[in-house]
Amino acid sequence: MMPDTVAQLSACRICPRNCGVDRFQTHGYCGAGAEPVVNLSQLHFGEEPVLSGSRGSGTIFFSHCNLKCVFCQNHTISDQGWGTKCSIEDLARLMLDLQERGAHNINLVTPSHYSPQLKEAIREAKNRGLTLPIVWNSNAYEHPESLRDLNGLIDIYLPDLKFAHALYAKRYCNAADYPETAISAITEMHSQVGALKTDEQGIAQRGLIIRLLVMPSGLAGIKTSLARIAQQIGTDVQLSLMAQYYPTYQAQSYPELNRGIKQAEYDTAVESALSLGFEQILTQELSCSDDWTPEFKQEQCI
């Protein structure tokens, strides 16, 4: 690891949790140590069509997470940490392998808590011949300063905007500052890559796609989030309105979360986006099951 990476991990304040721990000795809120942990590296056909295309998005699923939503569909890796430790060289090799397999892009899923290591790995992979667009697929609970360290390395930002209201962000993610933090992070992302640009086949090459997960009873506050996006970023941004919420992990302990969404709830989210002037909207059919969740492994050979 480079000296800057070692320094950042030795008193980790990479994300808004600001734990300050030495990740070479222990771990902070996210559960991650100094070595990145990967569960799956695969061609993924379940992402937005502009990412998956015909050959698949080259996804690398990282273990651990700094948010730990109580309804997390990937909880076996985000909370339980299933996966295998990887070196910087291992990560570069995974990216190059996905390129050789025909992926449209390299899609780093839940990468934020490994951003210093990934900065090194991306540079190493590029030095060894990686030419694919890099996708930063995150929960947006990130410091703008950490994102600025990635400027020039990330081609496509794919953040969630999970909650508009501090009350629900605190209740379900233990992060009352999430709404303000996430919109600040997404604004920084947009300043780096701008609006989404695709090639002649309609495959994303550069830009921002904001995901908003529709939740039961309007708990995500999507109309408010959309208004903030319109005000701070603009209405020409690409949205992805996701209809794949289903109750899993600890959701059964929260009666208001313990059901799938209704068609009317999803339609309301779409109508809200249209009424605010958004035109670039990716939509989904309702799928209140685990069909969208990869089959994560307790052990993975890298």
Protein backbone atom coordinates (compact mmCIF):
# COMPACT_ATOMS: atom_id res chain seq x y z
CA MET A 1 0.00 0.00 0.00
CA MET A 2 1.07 3.54 -0.69
CA PRO A 3 1.95 5.80 2.26
CA ASP A 4 -1.19 7.92 1.79
CA THR A 5 -3.37 4.81 1.95
CA VAL A 6 -1.63 3.58 5.10
CA ALA A 7 -2.09 7.00 6.73
CA GLN A 8 -5.80 7.11 5.92
CA LEU A 9 -6.42 3.61 7.25
CA SER A 10 -4.34 4.13 10.39
CA ALA A 11 -6.79 6.74 11.70
CA CYS A 12 -9.79 6.10 9.51
CA ARG A 13 -12.11 9.00 8.78
CA ILE A 14 -12.84 7.97 5.22
CA CYS A 15 -16.62 8.10 5.68
CA PRO A 16 -19.00 10.23 7.78
CA ARG A 17 -18.86 7.77 10.68
CA ASN A 18 -15.45 9.35 11.45
CA CYS A 19 -14.45 6.38 13.62
CA GLY A 20 -10.76 7.34 13.81
CA VAL A 21 -9.67 3.71 14.34
CA ASP A 22 -6.50 2.03 13.14
CA ARG A 23 -7.85 -0.45 10.62
CA PHE A 24 -4.60 -2.38 10.64
CA GLN A 25 -5.41 -3.30 14.26
CA THR A 26 -9.21 -3.28 14.47
CA HIS A 27 -12.25 -2.07 12.56
CA GLY A 28 -14.76 0.73 12.86
CA TYR A 29 -18.51 0.92 12.33
CA CYS A 30 -18.33 -0.60 8.84
CA GLY A 31 -16.64 -3.79 10.11
CA ALA A 32 -13.80 -3.63 7.58
CA GLY A 33 -10.10 -3.91 8.32
CA ALA A 34 -7.24 -2.74 6.14
CA GLU A 35 -7.57 -5.47 3.50
CA PRO A 36 -10.56 -5.28 1.13
CA VAL A 37 -12.95 -8.22 1.31
CA VAL A 38 -14.72 -9.40 -1.86
CA ASN A 39 -17.54 -11.91 -2.09
CA LEU A 40 -18.41 -12.08 -5.79
CA SER A 41 -16.84 -10.99 -9.05
CA GLN A 42 -19.14 -11.71 -11.97
CA LEU A 43 -20.91 -10.54 -15.11
CA HIS A 44 -24.19 -9.14 -13.81
CA PHE A 45 -27.27 -8.74 -16.00
CA GLY A 46 -29.60 -7.31 -13.36
CA GLU A 47 -28.31 -3.73 -13.31
CA GLU A 48 -29.86 -0.86 -15.25
CA PRO A 49 -29.92 -1.67 -19.01
CA VAL A 50 -27.42 1.12 -19.73
CA LEU A 51 -24.95 -0.75 -17.49
CA SER A 52 -25.75 -4.44 -18.09
CA GLY A 53 -26.27 -4.15 -21.84
CA SER A 54 -25.90 -7.42 -23.74
CA ARG A 55 -22.63 -8.61 -22.17
CA GLY A 56 -23.20 -7.79 -18.51
CA SER A 57 -21.81 -5.35 -15.98
CA GLY A 58 -18.53 -6.53 -14.45
CA THR A 59 -19.56 -6.38 -10.81
CA ILE A 60 -17.26 -6.76 -7.82
CA PHE A 61 -19.29 -7.09 -4.61
CA PHE A 62 -17.41 -5.82 -1.56
CA SER A 63 -18.16 -7.03 1.96
CA HIS A 64 -18.95 -4.83 4.97
CA CYS A 65 -20.76 -1.47 4.83
CA ASN A 66 -20.79 1.85 6.67
CA LEU A 67 -24.60 2.17 6.64
CA LYS A 68 -26.03 -1.25 7.61
CA CYS A 69 -29.68 -0.63 6.73
CA VAL A 70 -32.04 -2.86 8.71
CA PHE A 71 -33.68 -3.96 5.43
CA CYS A 72 -30.42 -4.68 3.55
CA GLN A 73 -30.87 -7.21 0.77
CA ASN A 74 -27.12 -7.95 0.81
CA HIS A 75 -26.87 -8.34 4.58
CA THR A 76 -24.86 -11.58 4.45
CA ILE A 77 -21.94 -9.61 3.05
CA SER A 78 -22.68 -6.07 4.29
CA ASP A 79 -23.16 -7.08 7.92
CA GLN A 80 -21.88 -10.65 8.27
CA GLY A 81 -18.86 -9.97 6.07
CA TRP A 82 -18.89 -13.13 3.95
CA GLY A 83 -15.99 -13.00 1.51
CA THR A 84 -12.26 -13.30 1.01
CA LYS A 85 -9.51 -10.77 1.68
CA CYS A 86 -7.85 -9.31 -1.40
CA SER A 87 -4.64 -7.42 -2.03
CA ILE A 88 -4.38 -4.39 -4.31
CA GLU A 89 -2.95 -6.71 -6.98
CA ASP A 90 -5.87 -9.15 -6.52
CA LEU A 91 -8.37 -6.36 -7.12
CA ALA A 92 -6.58 -5.19 -10.26
CA ARG A 93 -6.56 -8.78 -11.52
CA LEU A 94 -10.31 -9.13 -10.92
CA MET A 95 -10.96 -6.00 -12.97
CA LEU A 96 -8.79 -7.20 -15.83
CA ASP A 97 -10.43 -10.64 -15.75
CA LEU A 98 -13.88 -9.07 -16.09
CA GLN A 99 -12.63 -7.02 -19.03
CA GLU A 100 -11.35 -10.20 -20.70
CA ARG A 101 -14.75 -11.82 -20.14
CA GLY A 102 -16.45 -9.05 -22.14
CA ALA A 103 -17.94 -6.83 -19.43
CA HIS A 104 -19.23 -3.43 -20.48
CA ASN A 105 -17.79 -1.81 -17.34
CA ILE A 106 -16.23 -2.47 -13.95
CA ASN A 107 -18.95 -2.03 -11.33
CA LEU A 108 -17.64 -1.59 -7.76
CA VAL A 109 -20.54 -2.40 -5.42
CA THR A 110 -20.46 -0.92 -1.89
CA PRO A 111 -16.90 0.38 -2.29
CA SER A 112 -16.81 3.50 -0.11
CA HIS A 113 -15.05 2.06 2.95
CA TYR A 114 -12.28 0.76 0.67
CA SER A 115 -11.81 3.93 -1.36
CA PRO A 116 -8.05 4.41 -0.63
CA GLN A 117 -7.27 0.82 -1.59
CA LEU A 118 -9.48 1.01 -4.68
CA LYS A 119 -7.79 4.18 -5.83
CA GLU A 120 -4.55 2.19 -5.95
CA ALA A 121 -6.19 -0.86 -7.53
CA ILE A 122 -7.83 1.13 -10.33
CA ARG A 123 -4.55 2.82 -11.18
CA GLU A 124 -2.76 -0.54 -11.16
CA ALA A 125 -5.41 -2.08 -13.43
CA LYS A 126 -5.23 0.86 -15.84
CA ASN A 127 -1.45 0.56 -15.95
CA ARG A 128 -1.93 -3.09 -16.93
CA GLY A 129 -4.39 -2.38 -19.73
CA LEU A 130 -7.84 -1.73 -18.22
CA THR A 131 -9.88 0.51 -20.52
CA LEU A 132 -13.47 -0.06 -19.35
CA PRO A 133 -15.51 2.63 -17.58
CA ILE A 134 -15.39 2.38 -13.79
CA VAL A 135 -18.74 2.46 -11.95
CA TRP A 136 -18.85 3.62 -8.30
CA ASN A 137 -21.99 1.91 -6.99
CA SER A 138 -22.47 3.31 -3.49
CA ASN A 139 -24.96 4.22 -0.77
CA ALA A 140 -23.84 7.90 -0.99
CA TYR A 141 -22.97 8.04 2.72
CA GLU A 142 -19.61 9.51 1.82
CA HIS A 143 -17.44 12.54 2.50
CA PRO A 144 -17.17 14.82 -0.53
CA GLU A 145 -13.45 15.02 0.32
CA SER A 146 -13.07 11.25 -0.10
CA LEU A 147 -14.85 11.44 -3.43
CA ARG A 148 -12.57 14.23 -4.60
CA ASP A 149 -9.65 11.84 -4.08
CA LEU A 150 -11.25 9.65 -6.78
CA ASN A 151 -11.67 12.46 -9.32
CA GLY A 152 -10.42 11.31 -12.70
CA LEU A 153 -10.60 7.61 -11.82
CA ILE A 154 -14.38 7.10 -11.74
CA ASP A 155 -16.37 7.37 -14.97
CA ILE A 156 -19.89 6.59 -13.75
CA TYR A 157 -21.30 7.33 -10.32
CA LEU A 158 -24.28 5.18 -9.31
CA PRO A 159 -25.35 6.36 -5.83
CA ASP A 160 -28.47 5.57 -3.85
CA LEU A 161 -30.45 8.39 -2.32
CA LYS A 162 -32.14 6.35 0.35
CA PHE A 163 -33.87 8.77 2.69
CA ALA A 164 -35.08 12.37 2.64
CA HIS A 165 -35.83 12.62 6.36
CA ALA A 166 -33.44 12.35 9.30
CA LEU A 167 -36.01 10.53 11.43
CA TYR A 168 -36.15 7.49 9.14
CA ALA A 169 -32.45 7.56 8.32
CA LYS A 170 -31.75 7.38 12.05
CA ARG A 171 -34.32 4.64 12.67
CA TYR A 172 -33.29 2.35 9.81
CA CYS A 173 -29.60 3.20 9.23
CA ASN A 174 -28.44 4.86 12.46
CA ALA A 175 -27.44 7.89 10.38
CA ALA A 176 -29.59 10.94 11.05
CA ASP A 177 -27.21 13.01 8.94
CA TYR A 178 -27.74 10.80 5.89
CA PRO A 179 -30.09 13.08 3.87
CA GLU A 180 -27.78 16.10 3.94
CA THR A 181 -24.61 14.02 3.64
CA ALA A 182 -25.87 12.03 0.67
CA ILE A 183 -27.06 15.01 -1.36
CA SER A 184 -23.71 16.72 -0.77
CA ALA A 185 -21.88 13.59 -1.92
CA ILE A 186 -24.08 13.25 -5.00
CA THR A 187 -23.54 16.90 -5.86
CA GLU A 188 -19.77 16.26 -5.78
CA MET A 189 -20.22 13.21 -7.99
CA HIS A 190 -22.16 15.26 -10.52
CA SER A 191 -19.48 17.96 -10.53
CA GLN A 192 -16.93 15.31 -11.55
CA VAL A 193 -18.78 13.42 -14.30
CA GLY A 194 -21.84 15.46 -15.30
CA ALA A 195 -24.95 14.10 -16.98
CA LEU A 196 -25.05 10.55 -18.29
CA LYS A 197 -23.48 9.91 -21.69
CA THR A 198 -23.90 6.67 -23.63
CA ASP A 199 -22.30 5.18 -26.72
CA GLU A 200 -24.04 4.28 -29.99
CA GLN A 201 -25.31 1.04 -28.43
CA GLY A 202 -26.85 2.90 -25.50
CA ILE A 203 -24.24 1.72 -22.98
CA ALA A 204 -23.21 4.21 -20.30
CA GLN A 205 -19.72 5.64 -20.68
CA ARG A 206 -19.68 8.53 -18.24
CA GLY A 207 -21.99 10.42 -15.94
CA LEU A 208 -24.33 10.16 -12.96
CA ILE A 209 -27.28 7.83 -12.34
CA ILE A 210 -29.18 8.36 -9.08
CA ARG A 211 -31.06 5.39 -7.64
CA LEU A 212 -34.12 5.91 -5.46
CA LEU A 213 -35.64 2.82 -3.84
CA VAL A 214 -39.41 3.09 -3.40
CA MET A 215 -40.31 1.89 0.09
CA PRO A 216 -43.60 1.08 1.82
CA SER A 217 -45.77 3.97 3.00
CA GLY A 218 -43.52 6.60 1.46
CA LEU A 219 -40.81 6.10 4.09
CA ALA A 220 -38.02 7.03 1.67
CA GLY A 221 -39.52 10.49 1.14
CA ILE A 222 -38.89 10.26 -2.59
CA LYS A 223 -40.83 13.39 -3.54
CA THR A 224 -38.69 15.46 -1.16
CA SER A 225 -35.49 13.80 -2.44
CA LEU A 226 -36.51 14.52 -6.01
CA ALA A 227 -37.12 18.17 -5.17
CA ARG A 228 -33.63 18.41 -3.66
CA ILE A 229 -32.09 16.82 -6.72
CA ALA A 230 -33.95 19.22 -8.98
CA GLN A 231 -32.81 22.22 -6.94
CA GLN A 232 -29.16 21.27 -6.37
CA ILE A 233 -28.30 19.24 -9.46
CA GLY A 234 -31.03 19.78 -12.04
CA THR A 235 -33.72 17.80 -13.80
CA ASP A 236 -31.54 16.57 -16.67
CA VAL A 237 -29.94 13.94 -14.44
CA GLN A 238 -30.62 10.24 -15.05
CA LEU A 239 -32.87 8.69 -12.39
CA SER A 240 -33.42 5.03 -11.63
CA LEU A 241 -36.64 4.48 -9.69
CA MET A 242 -36.33 1.06 -8.13
CA ALA A 243 -39.32 -1.19 -7.42
CA GLN A 244 -37.46 -4.13 -5.89
CA TYR A 245 -37.93 -3.51 -2.17
CA TYR A 246 -38.89 -6.61 -0.22
CA PRO A 247 -38.78 -7.22 3.55
CA THR A 248 -35.61 -9.04 4.51
CA TYR A 249 -32.91 -9.07 7.18
CA GLN A 250 -34.34 -7.20 10.22
CA ALA A 251 -37.34 -5.66 8.44
CA GLN A 252 -39.74 -8.04 10.18
CA SER A 253 -38.97 -6.21 13.43
CA TYR A 254 -40.42 -3.02 11.94
CA PRO A 255 -44.11 -3.47 11.06
CA GLU A 256 -44.04 -0.52 8.64
CA LEU A 257 -41.23 -2.20 6.65
CA ASN A 258 -42.59 -5.74 6.74
CA ARG A 259 -44.31 -5.76 3.34
CA GLY A 260 -43.51 -5.15 -0.30
CA ILE A 261 -44.50 -1.96 -2.04
CA LYS A 262 -47.80 -1.47 -3.85
CA GLN A 263 -48.16 -0.51 -7.48
CA ALA A 264 -49.84 2.75 -6.46
CA GLU A 265 -46.83 3.66 -4.30
CA TYR A 266 -44.46 3.12 -7.18
CA ASP A 267 -46.69 5.00 -9.62
CA THR A 268 -46.76 7.94 -7.21
CA ALA A 269 -42.96 8.08 -7.24
CA VAL A 270 -42.87 8.07 -11.04
CA GLU A 271 -45.55 10.77 -11.21
CA SER A 272 -43.62 12.90 -8.72
CA ALA A 273 -40.52 12.74 -10.91
CA LEU A 274 -42.46 13.65 -14.03
CA SER A 275 -44.25 16.54 -12.30
CA LEU A 276 -40.89 18.06 -11.29
CA GLY A 277 -39.68 17.98 -14.88
CA PHE A 278 -37.42 14.91 -14.87
CA GLU A 279 -37.39 13.17 -18.23
CA GLN A 280 -34.51 10.68 -17.92
CA ILE A 281 -36.20 8.04 -15.75
CA LEU A 282 -35.45 4.34 -15.66
CA THR A 283 -38.36 2.33 -14.24
CA GLN A 284 -38.92 -1.26 -13.10
CA GLU A 285 -41.80 -3.66 -12.74
CA LEU A 286 -42.61 -4.57 -9.14
CA SER A 287 -40.57 -7.51 -7.87
CA CYS A 288 -41.10 -7.96 -4.13
CA SER A 289 -38.85 -11.00 -3.81
CA ASP A 290 -35.18 -11.89 -3.67
CA ASP A 291 -34.95 -12.37 -7.45
CA TRP A 292 -32.61 -9.36 -7.68
CA THR A 293 -30.24 -10.52 -4.94
CA PRO A 294 -27.09 -12.38 -6.02
CA GLU A 295 -26.33 -15.73 -4.45
CA PHE A 296 -23.50 -14.75 -2.15
CA LYS A 297 -21.04 -17.39 -0.95
CA GLN A 298 -19.65 -17.90 2.51
CA GLU A 299 -16.28 -18.57 0.94
CA GLN A 300 -14.92 -17.24 -2.34
CA CYS A 301 -11.71 -18.27 -4.07
CA ILE A 302 -9.97 -15.26 -5.62
